[in-house]
Amino acid sequence: MKCLTCSFKERGVTIGLSRASLLTNTITLNKQDLKVRTRIGGNMESNSRLVQAGLLAVLLACYFHGTKALAVTLTPTGQVSFKQGDQASITCEMRDFTRLDFLVWEKLNGGVWIEMATNSVLNPLFNNTGRYTYKTDSATSQLLKFTMTINIALEDAGLIRCMAGGSPASRKELSVAVSASPTTVKINNVSAAGRELTFNSTQESEVSCVASGFNNANLLTMRITIVGRGDITDQFTSTVEYYNFTKDGLHGRAGRRALTNNRYIFNGADDNKDLQCVADYTGFTTLAGLVTVRVQGVPVITCTNSNRTTSVNQKGFKLTCPVISNPQLTSLVWVYGNERYPMGEPAKNGLSASYDITDSTKKHGEAVLTIESVAKEHFGEYKLQAANRLGDAVPEGKVTLWELGQSGSPASTAKSPVTKGKTGGSTSGAGAMASFVLLTGLMTVLQAALH
């Protein structure tokens, strides 16, 4: 170990003190044939107050001189980046010290440096305090190596420094950047899967998805989808803000990003579908908020212009049309010509109406019109009307039933549907004759003009 010598001279008396002698806590003074022995902190044995004063002055001068000469190294240095959840190790080394010297970790917290841990040669440390573990890797007369291991969290971002013996000249600072993923993703303040949100299909609703807990908005992307229908992110406005927080006595700064639409309208077809909001962050597991949408409103009829084909004498033929209603239906009626066929009533003219539930919520189902035996008069246009306590379905449903020809190709052999309640010949033949008469008349006028 390097030996440094300090001296104090007063009235021709020189007192020598080496740092090596501090390690044994023994000081030897020489003045001609006079020897004075003492121990640090003990009673001084001296016949001279001058010698006592000299001892104290030498002790203080050597201690502070030694502290300023300490060599401190921090690894890593400069600025480092970690991801939330990483385990980071930071090591501080001290050389050229005495047994009275020590190392201290500090963190800049809300503008104030606070002490995290202290270690000295006399008291090697191993301490586990939650996310922080401190240990002495080496404690000899030549090297004190002190390592701090951190399970990185958002509040660890900022400045950390290592300092020897409280000496400002020995400070070594490290800037720690923490990349954090969102800690929560909520849709309308709900994050748990299996939860339901209810909307009215006839009213504008506020829908928002919020991801919070990250600290770098530029790396975060979000999207919102209705599962089974598609991405609706382009209909939402994205905003981001930062906020301060305190956790475990440490201050931090985090971000919050939101996708918001204050005038979104769900339709009945969205009922019982999952609304999912996803937050992606580079290097992290994707987080998602998921809720089930329940849509209340007038019934929605999805067969607004459908076509069906069948043949004469087909037994038990069924016309079907999906209907969604939340709340439940109060009325469902098929209309053909001047006749109405409400669900649940007895068969009339060989036709009967019913409603088959297709999901456990009893909100989704199929309107069914059963034809006992298909006849010529059954081909034509059928309408479907539905209502619940919130109103009538608009538009009505419409299904056209065509007769299937011998070839089995509806496109080539389907006959024009017959409109129920009308009689007489073929309207297509009469139209062709009228067109021929009109064309003949035009040709006669043209020939007369030429002559």
Foldseek 3Di string as FASTA:
>chain_A
DDKDWDWDDDPRAIFIDILVVVQVQWGWGDDPPDIWIDGVPGDTDDPDVVVVVRVVVRVVVVQVVQQLPKAKDKPPAAEDEEEQQDKDKIKMKIFRHHQVKKKWKWFQFPNDTDTDDIGGLVHFDFDDDPQKTKGFPDRDNGMTMIMIMGRDFQLVAAKMWMAMRPDPSRIGIYGYHYFYFFPAKDKVNHFDEPAEDEEEQVFFAKIKIKTKRGADVVQKDKWKAFPPPGTPQVQWDKDKDKDWDADPNGIGMIMMMMTIDGGDHDHLVSAQIKIKMWMDGPPDDIGMGIHTYHYAYWKEKDQADAEAEDAFFDAFDKDKTKMFHVVAWPWKWKDAQPDIATAPDDDDPQKHWHWAQDDPVSGIIMIMITRGGHDLLPFAKMWMWTGDPRGTYPPIHIYGYWYADPVRDCVPPTDDTDRHPDDDDDPVVVVVVVVVVVVVVVVVVVVVVVD
